[in-house]
Structures are given as C-alpha cells and as structure tokens.
Amino acid sequence: MNDSSSNCQLNQSKVDYCFDSNEAPKFLCNVDEQFVPKLGMTFNMLDDAAKFYKNYSKVACFSTRVWSTNKKGNEIKNQ
C-alpha cells in the first residue's frame, strides 16, 4: 500500500454507515456464536470450510461467490 491509497476519500452521500474501524458494530451483526468464524479454525476438507462460511454468510446477511483465475503465459483469464 502506498501513501496515496491510504488517504482514499469516500463520498459520504454514498455511504450508509461510517465507522472508525473495519469491524461491524454489534447492533449490525446479530449472529449466534456457533456460526461465527474464529481464528485458528480447521476443517477436514475444503468443502467443509466453504459450507461453514456459506452458512455464516446467510445468517450474517451477506453473500459469497467462488471465483478463480487461470494464467496462460502472461495473460490472466477469469473463469
């Protein structure tokens, strides 16, 4: 990150909420603790982790998307 990107300005008319940190306040997130991801969690399979996070996104009211890219030579192709 360079200095110019850290001084990014947002148009306040296009922002619903303004916070001093990147953490959502408790009043916006009413999610049962069993569904909240924790640092250090491990899963037996990648699909188990994906399923857990997908379920978390549903109860926390946001969506997820799986995205991958491939590189052929110097060209990157999104799939």
PDB file of N, CA and C in Angstrom:
ATOM      1  N   MET A   1       0.858  -1.175   0.000  1.00  0.00           N
ATOM      2  CA  MET A   1       0.000   0.000   0.000  1.00  0.00           C
ATOM      3  C   MET A   1       0.895   1.226   0.000  1.00  0.00           C
ATOM      4  N   ASN A   2       0.580   2.187  -0.844  1.00  0.00           N
ATOM      5  CA  ASN A   2       1.348   3.413  -0.836  1.00  0.00           C
ATOM      6  C   ASN A   2       0.562   4.510  -0.140  1.00  0.00           C
ATOM      7  N   ASP A   3       1.202   5.671   0.062  1.00  0.00           N
ATOM      8  CA  ASP A   3       0.550   6.755   0.800  1.00  0.00           C
ATOM      9  C   ASP A   3      -0.716   7.249   0.131  1.00  0.00           C
ATOM     10  N   SER A   4      -0.763   7.240  -1.201  1.00  0.00           N
ATOM     11  CA  SER A   4      -1.951   7.753  -1.881  1.00  0.00           C
ATOM     12  C   SER A   4      -3.163   6.864  -1.655  1.00  0.00           C
ATOM     13  N   SER A   5      -2.968   5.540  -1.569  1.00  0.00           N
ATOM     14  CA  SER A   5      -4.112   4.656  -1.351  1.00  0.00           C
ATOM     15  C   SER A   5      -4.599   4.715   0.087  1.00  0.00           C
ATOM     16  N   SER A   6      -3.727   5.043   1.045  1.00  0.00           N
ATOM     17  CA  SER A   6      -4.158   5.111   2.438  1.00  0.00           C
ATOM     18  C   SER A   6      -4.940   6.388   2.724  1.00  0.00           C
ATOM     19  N   ASN A   7      -4.875   7.373   1.835  1.00  0.00           N
ATOM     20  CA  ASN A   7      -5.598   8.625   2.023  1.00  0.00           C
ATOM     21  C   ASN A   7      -6.862   8.688   1.171  1.00  0.00           C
ATOM     22  N   CYS A   8      -7.395   7.552   0.799  1.00  0.00           N
ATOM     23  CA  CYS A   8      -8.575   7.470  -0.055  1.00  0.00           C
ATOM     24  C   CYS A   8      -9.765   8.168   0.606  1.00  0.00           C
ATOM     25  N   GLN A   9     -10.496   8.949  -0.147  1.00  0.00           N
ATOM     26  CA  GLN A   9     -11.660   9.661   0.363  1.00  0.00           C
ATOM     27  C   GLN A   9     -12.931   9.033  -0.188  1.00  0.00           C
ATOM     28  N   LEU A  10     -13.934   8.865   0.658  1.00  0.00           N
ATOM     29  CA  LEU A  10     -15.224   8.341   0.231  1.00  0.00           C
ATOM     30  C   LEU A  10     -16.235   9.466   0.156  1.00  0.00           C
ATOM     31  N   ASN A  11     -17.155   9.354  -0.769  1.00  0.00           N
ATOM     32  CA  ASN A  11     -18.252  10.300  -0.861  1.00  0.00           C
ATOM     33  C   ASN A  11     -19.277   9.911   0.199  1.00  0.00           C
ATOM     34  N   GLN A  12     -19.438  10.706   1.247  1.00  0.00           N
ATOM     35  CA  GLN A  12     -20.316  10.374   2.368  1.00  0.00           C
ATOM     36  C   GLN A  12     -21.763  10.170   1.948  1.00  0.00           C
ATOM     37  N   SER A  13     -22.207  10.790   0.867  1.00  0.00           N
ATOM     38  CA  SER A  13     -23.594  10.615   0.432  1.00  0.00           C
ATOM     39  C   SER A  13     -23.844   9.203  -0.087  1.00  0.00           C
ATOM     40  N   LYS A  14     -22.779   8.470  -0.425  1.00  0.00           N
ATOM     41  CA  LYS A  14     -22.928   7.115  -0.945  1.00  0.00           C
ATOM     42  C   LYS A  14     -22.629   6.047   0.108  1.00  0.00           C
ATOM     43  N   VAL A  15     -22.381   6.456   1.339  1.00  0.00           N
ATOM     44  CA  VAL A  15     -22.054   5.523   2.412  1.00  0.00           C
ATOM     45  C   VAL A  15     -23.178   5.535   3.438  1.00  0.00           C
ATOM     46  N   ASP A  16     -23.705   4.329   3.756  1.00  0.00           N
ATOM     47  CA  ASP A  16     -24.785   4.237   4.738  1.00  0.00           C
ATOM     48  C   ASP A  16     -24.286   4.451   6.160  1.00  0.00           C
ATOM     49  N   TYR A  17     -23.133   3.900   6.488  1.00  0.00           N
ATOM     50  CA  TYR A  17     -22.581   3.989   7.830  1.00  0.00           C
ATOM     51  C   TYR A  17     -21.109   4.361   7.737  1.00  0.00           C
ATOM     52  N   CYS A  18     -20.628   5.095   8.706  1.00  0.00           N
ATOM     53  CA  CYS A  18     -19.222   5.466   8.752  1.00  0.00           C
ATOM     54  C   CYS A  18     -18.666   5.012  10.099  1.00  0.00           C
ATOM     55  N   PHE A  19     -17.606   4.203  10.089  1.00  0.00           N
ATOM     56  CA  PHE A  19     -17.022   3.677  11.316  1.00  0.00           C
ATOM     57  C   PHE A  19     -15.527   3.953  11.325  1.00  0.00           C
ATOM     58  N   ASP A  20     -14.945   3.968  12.505  1.00  0.00           N
ATOM     59  CA  ASP A  20     -13.512   4.203  12.639  1.00  0.00           C
ATOM     60  C   ASP A  20     -12.677   2.947  12.423  1.00  0.00           C
ATOM     61  N   SER A  21     -13.298   1.779  12.377  1.00  0.00           N
ATOM     62  CA  SER A  21     -12.552   0.543  12.159  1.00  0.00           C
ATOM     63  C   SER A  21     -13.267  -0.293  11.109  1.00  0.00           C
ATOM     64  N   ASN A  22     -12.668  -1.418  10.737  1.00  0.00           N
ATOM     65  CA  ASN A  22     -13.294  -2.289   9.749  1.00  0.00           C
ATOM     66  C   ASN A  22     -14.185  -3.335  10.394  1.00  0.00           C
ATOM     67  N   GLU A  23     -14.405  -3.252  11.698  1.00  0.00           N
ATOM     68  CA  GLU A  23     -15.284  -4.187  12.388  1.00  0.00           C
ATOM     69  C   GLU A  23     -16.696  -3.621  12.463  1.00  0.00           C
ATOM     70  N   ALA A  24     -17.667  -4.460  12.152  1.00  0.00           N
ATOM     71  CA  ALA A  24     -19.064  -4.028  12.218  1.00  0.00           C
ATOM     72  C   ALA A  24     -19.504  -3.974  13.676  1.00  0.00           C
ATOM     73  N   PRO A  25     -20.230  -2.951  14.058  1.00  0.00           N
ATOM     74  CA  PRO A  25     -20.726  -2.866  15.430  1.00  0.00           C
ATOM     75  C   PRO A  25     -21.679  -4.014  15.733  1.00  0.00           C
ATOM     76  N   LYS A  26     -21.803  -4.353  16.996  1.00  0.00           N
ATOM     77  CA  LYS A  26     -22.647  -5.471  17.409  1.00  0.00           C
ATOM     78  C   LYS A  26     -24.093  -5.297  16.958  1.00  0.00           C
ATOM     79  N   PHE A  27     -24.604  -4.053  16.915  1.00  0.00           N
ATOM     80  CA  PHE A  27     -26.005  -3.872  16.554  1.00  0.00           C
ATOM     81  C   PHE A  27     -26.291  -4.212  15.095  1.00  0.00           C
ATOM     82  N   LEU A  28     -25.270  -4.299  14.254  1.00  0.00           N
ATOM     83  CA  LEU A  28     -25.478  -4.686  12.860  1.00  0.00           C
ATOM     84  C   LEU A  28     -25.335  -6.191  12.652  1.00  0.00           C
ATOM     85  N   CYS A  29     -24.708  -6.884  13.579  1.00  0.00           N
ATOM     86  CA  CYS A  29     -24.454  -8.315  13.445  1.00  0.00           C
ATOM     87  C   CYS A  29     -25.069  -9.055  14.618  1.00  0.00           C
ATOM     88  N   ASN A  30     -26.196  -9.674  14.393  1.00  0.00           N
ATOM     89  CA  ASN A  30     -26.843 -10.458  15.429  1.00  0.00           C
ATOM     90  C   ASN A  30     -26.769 -11.923  15.018  1.00  0.00           C
ATOM     91  N   VAL A  31     -25.576 -12.512  15.152  1.00  0.00           N
ATOM     92  CA  VAL A  31     -25.319 -13.869  14.691  1.00  0.00           C
ATOM     93  C   VAL A  31     -24.956 -14.732  15.893  1.00  0.00           C
ATOM     94  N   ASP A  32     -25.582 -15.901  15.992  1.00  0.00           N
ATOM     95  CA  ASP A  32     -25.267 -16.860  17.048  1.00  0.00           C
ATOM     96  C   ASP A  32     -23.783 -17.226  16.964  1.00  0.00           C
ATOM     97  N   GLU A  33     -23.098 -17.263  18.101  1.00  0.00           N
ATOM     98  CA  GLU A  33     -21.657 -17.522  18.149  1.00  0.00           C
ATOM     99  C   GLU A  33     -21.239 -18.813  17.445  1.00  0.00           C
ATOM    100  N   GLN A  34     -22.110 -19.823  17.410  1.00  0.00           N
ATOM    101  CA  GLN A  34     -21.735 -21.090  16.769  1.00  0.00           C
ATOM    102  C   GLN A  34     -21.517 -20.940  15.267  1.00  0.00           C
ATOM    103  N   PHE A  35     -22.048 -19.868  14.673  1.00  0.00           N
ATOM    104  CA  PHE A  35     -21.909 -19.652  13.237  1.00  0.00           C
ATOM    105  C   PHE A  35     -20.789 -18.682  12.876  1.00  0.00           C
ATOM    106  N   VAL A  36     -20.163 -18.039  13.864  1.00  0.00           N
ATOM    107  CA  VAL A  36     -19.144 -17.026  13.602  1.00  0.00           C
ATOM    108  C   VAL A  36     -17.776 -17.690  13.435  1.00  0.00           C
ATOM    109  N   PRO A  37     -17.068 -17.425  12.325  1.00  0.00           N
ATOM    110  CA  PRO A  37     -15.729 -17.990  12.137  1.00  0.00           C
ATOM    111  C   PRO A  37     -14.763 -17.463  13.197  1.00  0.00           C
ATOM    112  N   LYS A  38     -13.871 -18.321  13.635  1.00  0.00           N
ATOM    113  CA  LYS A  38     -12.880 -17.953  14.650  1.00  0.00           C
ATOM    114  C   LYS A  38     -11.480 -18.193  14.081  1.00  0.00           C
ATOM    115  N   LEU A  39     -10.538 -17.365  14.477  1.00  0.00           N
ATOM    116  CA  LEU A  39      -9.152 -17.519  14.073  1.00  0.00           C
ATOM    117  C   LEU A  39      -8.637 -18.873  14.543  1.00  0.00           C
ATOM    118  N   GLY A  40      -8.005 -19.607  13.665  1.00  0.00           N
ATOM    119  CA  GLY A  40      -7.444 -20.905  14.014  1.00  0.00           C
ATOM    120  C   GLY A  40      -8.365 -22.085  13.757  1.00  0.00           C
ATOM    121  N   MET A  41      -9.572 -21.832  13.263  1.00  0.00           N
ATOM    122  CA  MET A  41     -10.481 -22.937  12.948  1.00  0.00           C
ATOM    123  C   MET A  41      -9.848 -23.814  11.869  1.00  0.00           C
ATOM    124  N   THR A  42     -10.063 -25.119  11.974  1.00  0.00           N
ATOM    125  CA  THR A  42      -9.576 -26.043  10.956  1.00  0.00           C
ATOM    126  C   THR A  42     -10.728 -26.919  10.479  1.00  0.00           C
ATOM    127  N   PHE A  43     -10.613 -27.389   9.249  1.00  0.00           N
ATOM    128  CA  PHE A  43     -11.629 -28.236   8.636  1.00  0.00           C
ATOM    129  C   PHE A  43     -10.931 -29.409   7.974  1.00  0.00           C
ATOM    130  N   ASN A  44     -11.602 -30.552   7.931  1.00  0.00           N
ATOM    131  CA  ASN A  44     -11.022 -31.742   7.305  1.00  0.00           C
ATOM    132  C   ASN A  44     -10.929 -31.600   5.794  1.00  0.00           C
ATOM    133  N   MET A  45     -11.915 -30.954   5.205  1.00  0.00           N
ATOM    134  CA  MET A  45     -11.969 -30.806   3.753  1.00  0.00           C
ATOM    135  C   MET A  45     -12.240 -29.346   3.402  1.00  0.00           C
ATOM    136  N   LEU A  46     -11.771 -28.928   2.237  1.00  0.00           N
ATOM    137  CA  LEU A  46     -12.031 -27.576   1.757  1.00  0.00           C
ATOM    138  C   LEU A  46     -13.530 -27.333   1.633  1.00  0.00           C
ATOM    139  N   ASP A  47     -14.270 -28.340   1.197  1.00  0.00           N
ATOM    140  CA  ASP A  47     -15.726 -28.206   1.068  1.00  0.00           C
ATOM    141  C   ASP A  47     -16.393 -27.940   2.417  1.00  0.00           C
ATOM    142  N   ASP A  48     -15.848 -28.507   3.503  1.00  0.00           N
ATOM    143  CA  ASP A  48     -16.394 -28.258   4.842  1.00  0.00           C
ATOM    144  C   ASP A  48     -16.235 -26.788   5.222  1.00  0.00           C
ATOM    145  N   ALA A  49     -15.075 -26.217   4.912  1.00  0.00           N
ATOM    146  CA  ALA A  49     -14.835 -24.806   5.194  1.00  0.00           C
ATOM    147  C   ALA A  49     -15.761 -23.928   4.357  1.00  0.00           C
ATOM    148  N   ALA A  50     -15.928 -24.268   3.092  1.00  0.00           N
ATOM    149  CA  ALA A  50     -16.805 -23.498   2.208  1.00  0.00           C
ATOM    150  C   ALA A  50     -18.248 -23.548   2.697  1.00  0.00           C
ATOM    151  N   LYS A  51     -18.697 -24.721   3.130  1.00  0.00           N
ATOM    152  CA  LYS A  51     -20.068 -24.869   3.632  1.00  0.00           C
ATOM    153  C   LYS A  51     -20.267 -24.044   4.905  1.00  0.00           C
ATOM    154  N   PHE A  52     -19.280 -24.089   5.822  1.00  0.00           N
ATOM    155  CA  PHE A  52     -19.365 -23.312   7.058  1.00  0.00           C
ATOM    156  C   PHE A  52     -19.479 -21.824   6.737  1.00  0.00           C
ATOM    157  N   TYR A  53     -18.605 -21.327   5.850  1.00  0.00           N
ATOM    158  CA  TYR A  53     -18.610 -19.903   5.525  1.00  0.00           C
ATOM    159  C   TYR A  53     -19.882 -19.497   4.791  1.00  0.00           C
ATOM    160  N   LYS A  54     -20.392 -20.367   3.940  1.00  0.00           N
ATOM    161  CA  LYS A  54     -21.649 -20.075   3.238  1.00  0.00           C
ATOM    162  C   LYS A  54     -22.799 -19.966   4.235  1.00  0.00           C
ATOM    163  N   ASN A  55     -22.841 -20.871   5.210  1.00  0.00           N
ATOM    164  CA  ASN A  55     -23.880 -20.798   6.247  1.00  0.00           C
ATOM    165  C   ASN A  55     -23.731 -19.532   7.081  1.00  0.00           C
ATOM    166  N   TYR A  56     -22.488 -19.175   7.407  1.00  0.00           N
ATOM    167  CA  TYR A  56     -22.237 -17.936   8.153  1.00  0.00           C
ATOM    168  C   TYR A  56     -22.725 -16.728   7.357  1.00  0.00           C
ATOM    169  N   SER A  57     -22.452 -16.697   6.076  1.00  0.00           N
ATOM    170  CA  SER A  57     -22.865 -15.557   5.261  1.00  0.00           C
ATOM    171  C   SER A  57     -24.385 -15.409   5.235  1.00  0.00           C
ATOM    172  N   LYS A  58     -25.093 -16.521   5.260  1.00  0.00           N
ATOM    173  CA  LYS A  58     -26.560 -16.453   5.258  1.00  0.00           C
ATOM    174  C   LYS A  58     -27.093 -15.835   6.541  1.00  0.00           C
ATOM    175  N   VAL A  59     -26.580 -16.284   7.693  1.00  0.00           N
ATOM    176  CA  VAL A  59     -27.092 -15.751   8.960  1.00  0.00           C
ATOM    177  C   VAL A  59     -26.584 -14.342   9.227  1.00  0.00           C
ATOM    178  N   ALA A  60     -25.453 -13.955   8.610  1.00  0.00           N
ATOM    179  CA  ALA A  60     -24.910 -12.613   8.784  1.00  0.00           C
ATOM    180  C   ALA A  60     -25.383 -11.658   7.687  1.00  0.00           C
ATOM    181  N   CYS A  61     -26.237 -12.146   6.803  1.00  0.00           N
ATOM    182  CA  CYS A  61     -26.871 -11.324   5.754  1.00  0.00           C
ATOM    183  C   CYS A  61     -25.888 -10.732   4.744  1.00  0.00           C
ATOM    184  N   PHE A  62     -24.967 -11.551   4.259  1.00  0.00           N
ATOM    185  CA  PHE A  62     -24.164 -11.135   3.115  1.00  0.00           C
ATOM    186  C   PHE A  62     -23.993 -12.340   2.202  1.00  0.00           C
ATOM    187  N   SER A  63     -23.595 -12.100   0.971  1.00  0.00           N
ATOM    188  CA  SER A  63     -23.477 -13.200   0.020  1.00  0.00           C
ATOM    189  C   SER A  63     -22.011 -13.509  -0.257  1.00  0.00           C
ATOM    190  N   THR A  64     -21.777 -14.699  -0.768  1.00  0.00           N
ATOM    191  CA  THR A  64     -20.427 -15.112  -1.136  1.00  0.00           C
ATOM    192  C   THR A  64     -20.427 -15.549  -2.590  1.00  0.00           C
ATOM    193  N   ARG A  65     -19.223 -15.594  -3.158  1.00  0.00           N
ATOM    194  CA  ARG A  65     -19.082 -16.046  -4.536  1.00  0.00           C
ATOM    195  C   ARG A  65     -17.733 -16.740  -4.662  1.00  0.00           C
ATOM    196  N   VAL A  66     -17.713 -17.860  -5.343  1.00  0.00           N
ATOM    197  CA  VAL A  66     -16.463 -18.560  -5.619  1.00  0.00           C
ATOM    198  C   VAL A  66     -15.914 -18.008  -6.923  1.00  0.00           C
ATOM    199  N   TRP A  67     -14.648 -17.636  -6.906  1.00  0.00           N
ATOM    200  CA  TRP A  67     -14.040 -17.016  -8.065  1.00  0.00           C
ATOM    201  C   TRP A  67     -12.653 -17.612  -8.246  1.00  0.00           C
ATOM    202  N   SER A  68     -12.304 -17.925  -9.460  1.00  0.00           N
ATOM    203  CA  SER A  68     -10.963 -18.430  -9.726  1.00  0.00           C
ATOM    204  C   SER A  68     -10.410 -17.760 -10.972  1.00  0.00           C
ATOM    205  N   THR A  69      -9.104 -17.759 -11.084  1.00  0.00           N
ATOM    206  CA  THR A  69      -8.451 -17.217 -12.270  1.00  0.00           C
ATOM    207  C   THR A  69      -7.421 -18.222 -12.758  1.00  0.00           C
ATOM    208  N   ASN A  70      -7.190 -18.196 -14.029  1.00  0.00           N
ATOM    209  CA  ASN A  70      -6.156 -19.022 -14.647  1.00  0.00           C
ATOM    210  C   ASN A  70      -5.206 -18.114 -15.396  1.00  0.00           C
ATOM    211  N   LYS A  71      -3.953 -18.514 -15.442  1.00  0.00           N
ATOM    212  CA  LYS A  71      -2.958 -17.736 -16.154  1.00  0.00           C
ATOM    213  C   LYS A  71      -2.370 -18.594 -17.264  1.00  0.00           C
ATOM    214  N   LYS A  72      -2.377 -18.054 -18.471  1.00  0.00           N
ATOM    215  CA  LYS A  72      -1.765 -18.734 -19.615  1.00  0.00           C
ATOM    216  C   LYS A  72      -0.719 -17.786 -20.174  1.00  0.00           C
ATOM    217  N   GLY A  73       0.539 -18.128 -19.974  1.00  0.00           N
ATOM    218  CA  GLY A  73       1.606 -17.208 -20.357  1.00  0.00           C
ATOM    219  C   GLY A  73       1.545 -15.985 -19.462  1.00  0.00           C
ATOM    220  N   ASN A  74       1.476 -14.814 -20.059  1.00  0.00           N
ATOM    221  CA  ASN A  74       1.349 -13.571 -19.298  1.00  0.00           C
ATOM    222  C   ASN A  74      -0.085 -13.076 -19.236  1.00  0.00           C
ATOM    223  N   GLU A  75      -1.012 -13.856 -19.765  1.00  0.00           N
ATOM    224  CA  GLU A  75      -2.413 -13.436 -19.818  1.00  0.00           C
ATOM    225  C   GLU A  75      -3.214 -14.125 -18.710  1.00  0.00           C
ATOM    226  N   ILE A  76      -3.955 -13.341 -17.944  1.00  0.00           N
ATOM    227  CA  ILE A  76      -4.802 -13.886 -16.885  1.00  0.00           C
ATOM    228  C   ILE A  76      -6.226 -13.941 -17.395  1.00  0.00           C
ATOM    229  N   LYS A  77      -6.849 -15.102 -17.251  1.00  0.00           N
ATOM    230  CA  LYS A  77      -8.231 -15.293 -17.706  1.00  0.00           C
ATOM    231  C   LYS A  77      -9.099 -15.608 -16.500  1.00  0.00           C
ATOM    232  N   ASN A  78     -10.159 -14.846 -16.319  1.00  0.00           N
ATOM    233  CA  ASN A  78     -11.113 -15.126 -15.241  1.00  0.00           C
ATOM    234  C   ASN A  78     -12.084 -16.193 -15.685  1.00  0.00           C
ATOM    235  N   GLN A  79     -12.472 -17.032 -14.747  1.00  0.00           N
ATOM    236  CA  GLN A  79     -13.430 -18.087 -15.069  1.00  0.00           C
ATOM    237  C   GLN A  79     -14.565 -18.055 -14.093  1.00  0.00           C
TER     238      GLN A  79
END
